[in-house]
Amino acid sequence: MQRLESLYESDPSMYSNMVEILKKETNEGSTRKLTSCSRAFLWLTRSLDFIVSLLHKLKEEPRMSMEQAVEEAYSLTLKPWHGWISSAAFKIALKLVPDSETFANLLMAKDKKNDTLSEEIDSFISRLSPFLEDIHSILTVQVRSLEVCIERDQGTREEQFHKF
Protein backbone atom coordinates (compact mmCIF):
# COMPACT_ATOMS: atom_id res chain seq x y z
CA MET A 1 0.00 0.00 0.00
CA GLN A 2 2.82 2.39 0.84
CA ARG A 3 4.40 1.91 -2.58
CA LEU A 4 1.11 2.69 -4.28
CA GLU A 5 0.53 5.75 -2.10
CA SER A 6 4.07 7.04 -2.68
CA LEU A 7 3.79 6.74 -6.45
CA TYR A 8 0.37 8.42 -6.43
CA GLU A 9 1.67 11.26 -4.23
CA SER A 10 4.65 11.79 -6.56
CA ASP A 11 2.28 12.87 -9.38
CA PRO A 12 -1.46 12.63 -8.55
CA SER A 13 -2.56 13.74 -12.02
CA MET A 14 -0.47 11.11 -13.80
CA TYR A 15 -1.15 8.28 -11.35
CA SER A 16 -4.79 9.01 -10.64
CA ASN A 17 -5.80 5.37 -10.84
CA MET A 18 -4.35 1.91 -10.58
CA VAL A 19 -4.65 1.18 -14.30
CA GLU A 20 -2.32 4.09 -15.10
CA ILE A 21 0.24 2.84 -12.58
CA LEU A 22 0.07 -0.68 -14.03
CA LYS A 23 0.42 0.65 -17.59
CA LYS A 24 3.44 2.74 -16.61
CA GLU A 25 5.23 -0.21 -15.06
CA THR A 26 4.28 -2.49 -17.95
CA ASN A 27 5.73 -0.02 -20.46
CA GLU A 28 8.88 0.36 -18.35
CA GLY A 29 9.22 -3.40 -17.98
CA SER A 30 9.37 -3.05 -14.19
CA THR A 31 6.27 -5.04 -13.22
CA ARG A 32 8.25 -8.07 -12.07
CA LYS A 33 10.66 -6.13 -9.87
CA LEU A 34 10.31 -6.83 -6.15
CA THR A 35 9.67 -3.15 -5.47
CA SER A 36 7.07 -2.59 -8.19
CA CYS A 37 3.60 -1.29 -7.45
CA SER A 38 2.23 -3.93 -9.83
CA ARG A 39 3.63 -6.69 -7.68
CA ALA A 40 2.36 -5.05 -4.48
CA PHE A 41 -1.10 -4.65 -6.03
CA LEU A 42 -1.11 -8.27 -7.18
CA TRP A 43 -0.27 -9.56 -3.67
CA LEU A 44 -2.82 -7.22 -2.10
CA THR A 45 -5.42 -8.69 -4.45
CA ARG A 46 -4.38 -12.24 -3.60
CA SER A 47 -4.61 -11.42 0.10
CA LEU A 48 -8.11 -10.03 -0.34
CA ASP A 49 -9.05 -13.17 -2.30
CA PHE A 50 -7.85 -15.21 0.67
CA ILE A 51 -9.90 -13.15 3.14
CA VAL A 52 -13.07 -13.44 1.05
CA SER A 53 -12.55 -17.18 0.61
CA LEU A 54 -11.96 -17.69 4.33
CA LEU A 55 -14.99 -15.67 5.40
CA HIS A 56 -17.15 -17.43 2.82
CA LYS A 57 -16.04 -20.84 4.12
CA LEU A 58 -16.70 -19.88 7.73
CA LYS A 59 -20.13 -18.55 6.81
CA GLU A 60 -21.16 -21.49 4.62
CA GLU A 61 -19.73 -24.21 6.85
CA PRO A 62 -20.01 -22.98 10.45
CA ARG A 63 -19.00 -26.37 11.87
CA MET A 64 -15.72 -26.40 9.97
CA SER A 65 -12.71 -25.85 12.20
CA MET A 66 -10.93 -22.56 11.78
CA GLU A 67 -7.71 -24.37 10.94
CA GLN A 68 -9.41 -26.34 8.17
CA ALA A 69 -11.12 -23.22 6.78
CA VAL A 70 -7.82 -21.31 6.73
CA GLU A 71 -6.03 -24.22 5.07
CA GLU A 72 -8.70 -24.59 2.38
CA ALA A 73 -8.81 -20.85 1.69
CA TYR A 74 -5.01 -20.80 1.50
CA SER A 75 -4.94 -23.74 -0.91
CA LEU A 76 -7.43 -22.01 -3.21
CA THR A 77 -5.94 -18.53 -3.20
CA LEU A 78 -2.33 -18.20 -2.06
CA LYS A 79 -0.69 -21.61 -2.23
CA PRO A 80 -0.49 -21.68 -6.05
CA TRP A 81 1.72 -18.59 -5.88
CA HIS A 82 3.92 -19.61 -2.94
CA GLY A 83 7.17 -21.47 -3.17
CA TRP A 84 8.14 -24.19 -0.75
CA ILE A 85 9.57 -21.77 1.83
CA SER A 86 6.37 -19.71 2.02
CA SER A 87 4.26 -22.88 2.10
CA ALA A 88 6.36 -24.23 4.97
CA ALA A 89 6.00 -20.94 6.84
CA PHE A 90 2.25 -21.15 6.31
CA LYS A 91 2.16 -24.63 7.86
CA ILE A 92 3.87 -23.23 10.96
CA ALA A 93 1.58 -20.17 11.09
CA LEU A 94 -1.45 -22.46 10.79
CA LYS A 95 -0.68 -23.73 14.28
CA LEU A 96 -1.30 -20.20 15.62
CA VAL A 97 -4.80 -19.82 14.16
CA PRO A 98 -7.43 -19.18 16.86
CA ASP A 99 -10.51 -21.36 17.15
CA SER A 100 -13.67 -20.24 15.32
CA GLU A 101 -15.33 -18.80 18.43
CA THR A 102 -12.31 -16.67 19.33
CA PHE A 103 -12.06 -15.45 15.75
CA ALA A 104 -15.78 -14.57 15.66
CA ASN A 105 -15.43 -12.68 18.94
CA LEU A 106 -12.55 -10.69 17.47
CA LEU A 107 -14.67 -9.76 14.45
CA MET A 108 -17.84 -8.93 16.36
CA ALA A 109 -18.48 -5.51 17.75
CA LYS A 110 -19.10 -5.45 21.47
CA ASP A 111 -22.69 -6.26 22.46
CA LYS A 112 -23.47 -7.80 19.04
CA LYS A 113 -24.82 -11.24 18.24
CA ASN A 114 -23.67 -13.96 15.85
CA ASP A 115 -26.59 -13.18 13.53
CA THR A 116 -25.29 -9.64 13.11
CA LEU A 117 -21.78 -10.93 12.37
CA SER A 118 -23.15 -13.27 9.73
CA GLU A 119 -25.00 -10.39 8.07
CA GLU A 120 -21.88 -8.22 8.20
CA ILE A 121 -19.78 -10.98 6.62
CA ASP A 122 -22.37 -11.34 3.84
CA SER A 123 -22.32 -7.59 3.30
CA PHE A 124 -18.51 -7.46 3.25
CA ILE A 125 -18.25 -10.32 0.76
CA SER A 126 -20.99 -8.96 -1.50
CA ARG A 127 -19.37 -5.51 -1.55
CA LEU A 128 -15.79 -6.65 -2.03
CA SER A 129 -16.35 -9.43 -4.58
CA PRO A 130 -17.33 -7.16 -7.51
CA PHE A 131 -14.22 -5.05 -6.91
CA LEU A 132 -12.06 -8.16 -6.89
CA GLU A 133 -13.65 -9.32 -10.16
CA ASP A 134 -12.82 -5.94 -11.72
CA ILE A 135 -9.28 -6.11 -10.38
CA HIS A 136 -8.81 -9.61 -11.81
CA SER A 137 -9.98 -8.32 -15.21
CA ILE A 138 -7.57 -5.38 -15.03
CA LEU A 139 -4.68 -7.64 -14.05
CA THR A 140 -5.50 -10.04 -16.89
CA VAL A 141 -5.37 -7.18 -19.41
CA GLN A 142 -2.07 -5.99 -17.92
CA VAL A 143 -0.55 -9.48 -18.16
CA ARG A 144 -1.47 -9.56 -21.85
CA SER A 145 0.07 -6.11 -22.31
CA LEU A 146 3.22 -7.26 -20.54
CA GLU A 147 3.46 -10.28 -22.83
CA VAL A 148 3.18 -7.98 -25.87
CA CYS A 149 5.93 -5.74 -24.45
CA ILE A 150 8.18 -8.74 -23.85
CA GLU A 151 7.59 -10.02 -27.39
CA ARG A 152 8.27 -6.52 -28.77
CA ASP A 153 11.51 -6.25 -26.76
CA GLN A 154 12.65 -9.69 -27.87
CA GLY A 155 11.92 -8.79 -31.50
CA THR A 156 13.97 -5.60 -31.15
CA ARG A 157 16.88 -7.53 -29.64
CA GLU A 158 16.76 -10.10 -32.46
CA GLU A 159 16.77 -7.30 -35.06
CA GLN A 160 19.79 -5.72 -33.36
CA PHE A 161 21.54 -9.09 -33.22
CA HIS A 162 21.02 -9.72 -36.94
CA LYS A 163 22.53 -6.32 -37.80
CA PHE A 164 25.91 -7.59 -36.62
C-alpha atoms as a PDB file:
ATOM      1  CA  MET A   1       0.000   0.000   0.000  1.00  0.00           C
ATOM      2  CA  GLN A   2       2.818   2.394   0.837  1.00  0.00           C
ATOM      3  CA  ARG A   3       4.401   1.905  -2.585  1.00  0.00           C
ATOM      4  CA  LEU A   4       1.110   2.689  -4.282  1.00  0.00           C
ATOM      5  CA  GLU A   5       0.533   5.750  -2.098  1.00  0.00           C
ATOM      6  CA  SER A   6       4.070   7.038  -2.679  1.00  0.00           C
ATOM      7  CA  LEU A   7       3.788   6.740  -6.447  1.00  0.00           C
ATOM      8  CA  TYR A   8       0.373   8.418  -6.426  1.00  0.00           C
ATOM      9  CA  GLU A   9       1.667  11.264  -4.233  1.00  0.00           C
ATOM     10  CA  SER A  10       4.645  11.793  -6.563  1.00  0.00           C
ATOM     11  CA  ASP A  11       2.280  12.870  -9.377  1.00  0.00           C
ATOM     12  CA  PRO A  12      -1.457  12.628  -8.549  1.00  0.00           C
ATOM     13  CA  SER A  13      -2.563  13.737 -12.017  1.00  0.00           C
ATOM     14  CA  MET A  14      -0.465  11.114 -13.803  1.00  0.00           C
ATOM     15  CA  TYR A  15      -1.151   8.276 -11.353  1.00  0.00           C
ATOM     16  CA  SER A  16      -4.785   9.015 -10.642  1.00  0.00           C
ATOM     17  CA  ASN A  17      -5.798   5.368 -10.838  1.00  0.00           C
ATOM     18  CA  MET A  18      -4.345   1.907 -10.583  1.00  0.00           C
ATOM     19  CA  VAL A  19      -4.647   1.181 -14.298  1.00  0.00           C
ATOM     20  CA  GLU A  20      -2.316   4.092 -15.097  1.00  0.00           C
ATOM     21  CA  ILE A  21       0.237   2.837 -12.580  1.00  0.00           C
ATOM     22  CA  LEU A  22       0.067  -0.680 -14.027  1.00  0.00           C
ATOM     23  CA  LYS A  23       0.423   0.652 -17.592  1.00  0.00           C
ATOM     24  CA  LYS A  24       3.444   2.743 -16.611  1.00  0.00           C
ATOM     25  CA  GLU A  25       5.229  -0.215 -15.056  1.00  0.00           C
ATOM     26  CA  THR A  26       4.283  -2.494 -17.950  1.00  0.00           C
ATOM     27  CA  ASN A  27       5.732  -0.024 -20.463  1.00  0.00           C
ATOM     28  CA  GLU A  28       8.884   0.362 -18.353  1.00  0.00           C
ATOM     29  CA  GLY A  29       9.223  -3.402 -17.977  1.00  0.00           C
ATOM     30  CA  SER A  30       9.369  -3.052 -14.194  1.00  0.00           C
ATOM     31  CA  THR A  31       6.272  -5.042 -13.216  1.00  0.00           C
ATOM     32  CA  ARG A  32       8.255  -8.067 -12.070  1.00  0.00           C
ATOM     33  CA  LYS A  33      10.664  -6.132  -9.868  1.00  0.00           C
ATOM     34  CA  LEU A  34      10.313  -6.827  -6.152  1.00  0.00           C
ATOM     35  CA  THR A  35       9.671  -3.148  -5.470  1.00  0.00           C
ATOM     36  CA  SER A  36       7.066  -2.589  -8.195  1.00  0.00           C
ATOM     37  CA  CYS A  37       3.599  -1.287  -7.449  1.00  0.00           C
ATOM     38  CA  SER A  38       2.234  -3.926  -9.826  1.00  0.00           C
ATOM     39  CA  ARG A  39       3.634  -6.688  -7.682  1.00  0.00           C
ATOM     40  CA  ALA A  40       2.358  -5.054  -4.479  1.00  0.00           C
ATOM     41  CA  PHE A  41      -1.096  -4.648  -6.032  1.00  0.00           C
ATOM     42  CA  LEU A  42      -1.105  -8.271  -7.176  1.00  0.00           C
ATOM     43  CA  TRP A  43      -0.271  -9.557  -3.673  1.00  0.00           C
ATOM     44  CA  LEU A  44      -2.815  -7.215  -2.102  1.00  0.00           C
ATOM     45  CA  THR A  45      -5.420  -8.691  -4.455  1.00  0.00           C
ATOM     46  CA  ARG A  46      -4.378 -12.241  -3.602  1.00  0.00           C
ATOM     47  CA  SER A  47      -4.613 -11.424   0.105  1.00  0.00           C
ATOM     48  CA  LEU A  48      -8.112 -10.035  -0.340  1.00  0.00           C
ATOM     49  CA  ASP A  49      -9.050 -13.168  -2.304  1.00  0.00           C
ATOM     50  CA  PHE A  50      -7.848 -15.208   0.674  1.00  0.00           C
ATOM     51  CA  ILE A  51      -9.901 -13.150   3.140  1.00  0.00           C
ATOM     52  CA  VAL A  52     -13.067 -13.444   1.047  1.00  0.00           C
ATOM     53  CA  SER A  53     -12.546 -17.181   0.608  1.00  0.00           C
ATOM     54  CA  LEU A  54     -11.958 -17.686   4.333  1.00  0.00           C
ATOM     55  CA  LEU A  55     -14.990 -15.671   5.403  1.00  0.00           C
ATOM     56  CA  HIS A  56     -17.147 -17.425   2.823  1.00  0.00           C
ATOM     57  CA  LYS A  57     -16.042 -20.844   4.120  1.00  0.00           C
ATOM     58  CA  LEU A  58     -16.700 -19.878   7.726  1.00  0.00           C
ATOM     59  CA  LYS A  59     -20.132 -18.551   6.810  1.00  0.00           C
ATOM     60  CA  GLU A  60     -21.165 -21.489   4.618  1.00  0.00           C
ATOM     61  CA  GLU A  61     -19.734 -24.212   6.847  1.00  0.00           C
ATOM     62  CA  PRO A  62     -20.007 -22.980  10.455  1.00  0.00           C
ATOM     63  CA  ARG A  63     -19.004 -26.371  11.873  1.00  0.00           C
ATOM     64  CA  MET A  64     -15.718 -26.395   9.969  1.00  0.00           C
ATOM     65  CA  SER A  65     -12.712 -25.851  12.199  1.00  0.00           C
ATOM     66  CA  MET A  66     -10.934 -22.556  11.781  1.00  0.00           C
ATOM     67  CA  GLU A  67      -7.706 -24.369  10.943  1.00  0.00           C
ATOM     68  CA  GLN A  68      -9.405 -26.342   8.166  1.00  0.00           C
ATOM     69  CA  ALA A  69     -11.118 -23.219   6.780  1.00  0.00           C
ATOM     70  CA  VAL A  70      -7.818 -21.313   6.732  1.00  0.00           C
ATOM     71  CA  GLU A  71      -6.030 -24.218   5.073  1.00  0.00           C
ATOM     72  CA  GLU A  72      -8.702 -24.588   2.382  1.00  0.00           C
ATOM     73  CA  ALA A  73      -8.813 -20.848   1.692  1.00  0.00           C
ATOM     74  CA  TYR A  74      -5.011 -20.796   1.496  1.00  0.00           C
ATOM     75  CA  SER A  75      -4.944 -23.739  -0.913  1.00  0.00           C
ATOM     76  CA  LEU A  76      -7.431 -22.006  -3.213  1.00  0.00           C
ATOM     77  CA  THR A  77      -5.942 -18.531  -3.202  1.00  0.00           C
ATOM     78  CA  LEU A  78      -2.332 -18.200  -2.062  1.00  0.00           C
ATOM     79  CA  LYS A  79      -0.690 -21.607  -2.229  1.00  0.00           C
ATOM     80  CA  PRO A  80      -0.488 -21.679  -6.047  1.00  0.00           C
ATOM     81  CA  TRP A  81       1.719 -18.588  -5.877  1.00  0.00           C
ATOM     82  CA  HIS A  82       3.916 -19.605  -2.936  1.00  0.00           C
ATOM     83  CA  GLY A  83       7.166 -21.467  -3.175  1.00  0.00           C
ATOM     84  CA  TRP A  84       8.144 -24.193  -0.749  1.00  0.00           C
ATOM     85  CA  ILE A  85       9.574 -21.766   1.834  1.00  0.00           C
ATOM     86  CA  SER A  86       6.367 -19.713   2.025  1.00  0.00           C
ATOM     87  CA  SER A  87       4.264 -22.878   2.100  1.00  0.00           C
ATOM     88  CA  ALA A  88       6.365 -24.234   4.967  1.00  0.00           C
ATOM     89  CA  ALA A  89       5.998 -20.935   6.841  1.00  0.00           C
ATOM     90  CA  PHE A  90       2.245 -21.152   6.307  1.00  0.00           C
ATOM     91  CA  LYS A  91       2.161 -24.630   7.864  1.00  0.00           C
ATOM     92  CA  ILE A  92       3.867 -23.233  10.956  1.00  0.00           C
ATOM     93  CA  ALA A  93       1.579 -20.174  11.087  1.00  0.00           C
ATOM     94  CA  LEU A  94      -1.447 -22.462  10.786  1.00  0.00           C
ATOM     95  CA  LYS A  95      -0.677 -23.729  14.285  1.00  0.00           C
ATOM     96  CA  LEU A  96      -1.297 -20.195  15.623  1.00  0.00           C
ATOM     97  CA  VAL A  97      -4.799 -19.824  14.160  1.00  0.00           C
ATOM     98  CA  PRO A  98      -7.426 -19.182  16.856  1.00  0.00           C
ATOM     99  CA  ASP A  99     -10.507 -21.358  17.148  1.00  0.00           C
ATOM    100  CA  SER A 100     -13.667 -20.242  15.322  1.00  0.00           C
ATOM    101  CA  GLU A 101     -15.325 -18.799  18.428  1.00  0.00           C
ATOM    102  CA  THR A 102     -12.310 -16.669  19.333  1.00  0.00           C
ATOM    103  CA  PHE A 103     -12.060 -15.446  15.745  1.00  0.00           C
ATOM    104  CA  ALA A 104     -15.776 -14.574  15.662  1.00  0.00           C
ATOM    105  CA  ASN A 105     -15.435 -12.678  18.939  1.00  0.00           C
ATOM    106  CA  LEU A 106     -12.547 -10.693  17.470  1.00  0.00           C
ATOM    107  CA  LEU A 107     -14.667  -9.762  14.450  1.00  0.00           C
ATOM    108  CA  MET A 108     -17.837  -8.928  16.355  1.00  0.00           C
ATOM    109  CA  ALA A 109     -18.481  -5.507  17.747  1.00  0.00           C
ATOM    110  CA  LYS A 110     -19.104  -5.451  21.469  1.00  0.00           C
ATOM    111  CA  ASP A 111     -22.685  -6.264  22.458  1.00  0.00           C
ATOM    112  CA  LYS A 112     -23.466  -7.796  19.044  1.00  0.00           C
ATOM    113  CA  LYS A 113     -24.817 -11.243  18.238  1.00  0.00           C
ATOM    114  CA  ASN A 114     -23.672 -13.956  15.853  1.00  0.00           C
ATOM    115  CA  ASP A 115     -26.586 -13.177  13.527  1.00  0.00           C
ATOM    116  CA  THR A 116     -25.285  -9.643  13.109  1.00  0.00           C
ATOM    117  CA  LEU A 117     -21.779 -10.933  12.371  1.00  0.00           C
ATOM    118  CA  SER A 118     -23.152 -13.272   9.731  1.00  0.00           C
ATOM    119  CA  GLU A 119     -24.996 -10.386   8.071  1.00  0.00           C
ATOM    120  CA  GLU A 120     -21.877  -8.221   8.200  1.00  0.00           C
ATOM    121  CA  ILE A 121     -19.783 -10.981   6.623  1.00  0.00           C
ATOM    122  CA  ASP A 122     -22.366 -11.342   3.843  1.00  0.00           C
ATOM    123  CA  SER A 123     -22.317  -7.593   3.302  1.00  0.00           C
ATOM    124  CA  PHE A 124     -18.513  -7.456   3.249  1.00  0.00           C
ATOM    125  CA  ILE A 125     -18.246 -10.324   0.759  1.00  0.00           C
ATOM    126  CA  SER A 126     -20.986  -8.957  -1.498  1.00  0.00           C
ATOM    127  CA  ARG A 127     -19.370  -5.505  -1.546  1.00  0.00           C
ATOM    128  CA  LEU A 128     -15.789  -6.649  -2.034  1.00  0.00           C
ATOM    129  CA  SER A 129     -16.353  -9.434  -4.578  1.00  0.00           C
ATOM    130  CA  PRO A 130     -17.331  -7.162  -7.505  1.00  0.00           C
ATOM    131  CA  PHE A 131     -14.219  -5.052  -6.911  1.00  0.00           C
ATOM    132  CA  LEU A 132     -12.064  -8.164  -6.895  1.00  0.00           C
ATOM    133  CA  GLU A 133     -13.651  -9.322 -10.158  1.00  0.00           C
ATOM    134  CA  ASP A 134     -12.823  -5.940 -11.718  1.00  0.00           C
ATOM    135  CA  ILE A 135      -9.277  -6.108 -10.379  1.00  0.00           C
ATOM    136  CA  HIS A 136      -8.810  -9.606 -11.807  1.00  0.00           C
ATOM    137  CA  SER A 137      -9.979  -8.320 -15.210  1.00  0.00           C
ATOM    138  CA  ILE A 138      -7.571  -5.383 -15.034  1.00  0.00           C
ATOM    139  CA  LEU A 139      -4.677  -7.640 -14.050  1.00  0.00           C
ATOM    140  CA  THR A 140      -5.503 -10.045 -16.891  1.00  0.00           C
ATOM    141  CA  VAL A 141      -5.368  -7.178 -19.406  1.00  0.00           C
ATOM    142  CA  GLN A 142      -2.068  -5.993 -17.918  1.00  0.00           C
ATOM    143  CA  VAL A 143      -0.553  -9.476 -18.158  1.00  0.00           C
ATOM    144  CA  ARG A 144      -1.473  -9.561 -21.851  1.00  0.00           C
ATOM    145  CA  SER A 145       0.072  -6.109 -22.314  1.00  0.00           C
ATOM    146  CA  LEU A 146       3.217  -7.262 -20.539  1.00  0.00           C
ATOM    147  CA  GLU A 147       3.458 -10.283 -22.832  1.00  0.00           C
ATOM    148  CA  VAL A 148       3.181  -7.983 -25.870  1.00  0.00           C
ATOM    149  CA  CYS A 149       5.933  -5.736 -24.450  1.00  0.00           C
ATOM    150  CA  ILE A 150       8.184  -8.737 -23.848  1.00  0.00           C
ATOM    151  CA  GLU A 151       7.591 -10.016 -27.387  1.00  0.00           C
ATOM    152  CA  ARG A 152       8.267  -6.523 -28.769  1.00  0.00           C
ATOM    153  CA  ASP A 153      11.508  -6.250 -26.764  1.00  0.00           C
ATOM    154  CA  GLN A 154      12.649  -9.693 -27.873  1.00  0.00           C
ATOM    155  CA  GLY A 155      11.917  -8.789 -31.497  1.00  0.00           C
ATOM    156  CA  THR A 156      13.971  -5.604 -31.147  1.00  0.00           C
ATOM    157  CA  ARG A 157      16.882  -7.533 -29.635  1.00  0.00           C
ATOM    158  CA  GLU A 158      16.758 -10.097 -32.458  1.00  0.00           C
ATOM    159  CA  GLU A 159      16.768  -7.299 -35.056  1.00  0.00           C
ATOM    160  CA  GLN A 160      19.787  -5.719 -33.363  1.00  0.00           C
ATOM    161  CA  PHE A 161      21.542  -9.091 -33.216  1.00  0.00           C
ATOM    162  CA  HIS A 162      21.024  -9.722 -36.938  1.00  0.00           C
ATOM    163  CA  LYS A 163      22.532  -6.316 -37.795  1.00  0.00           C
ATOM    164  CA  PHE A 164      25.914  -7.587 -36.620  1.00  0.00           C
END
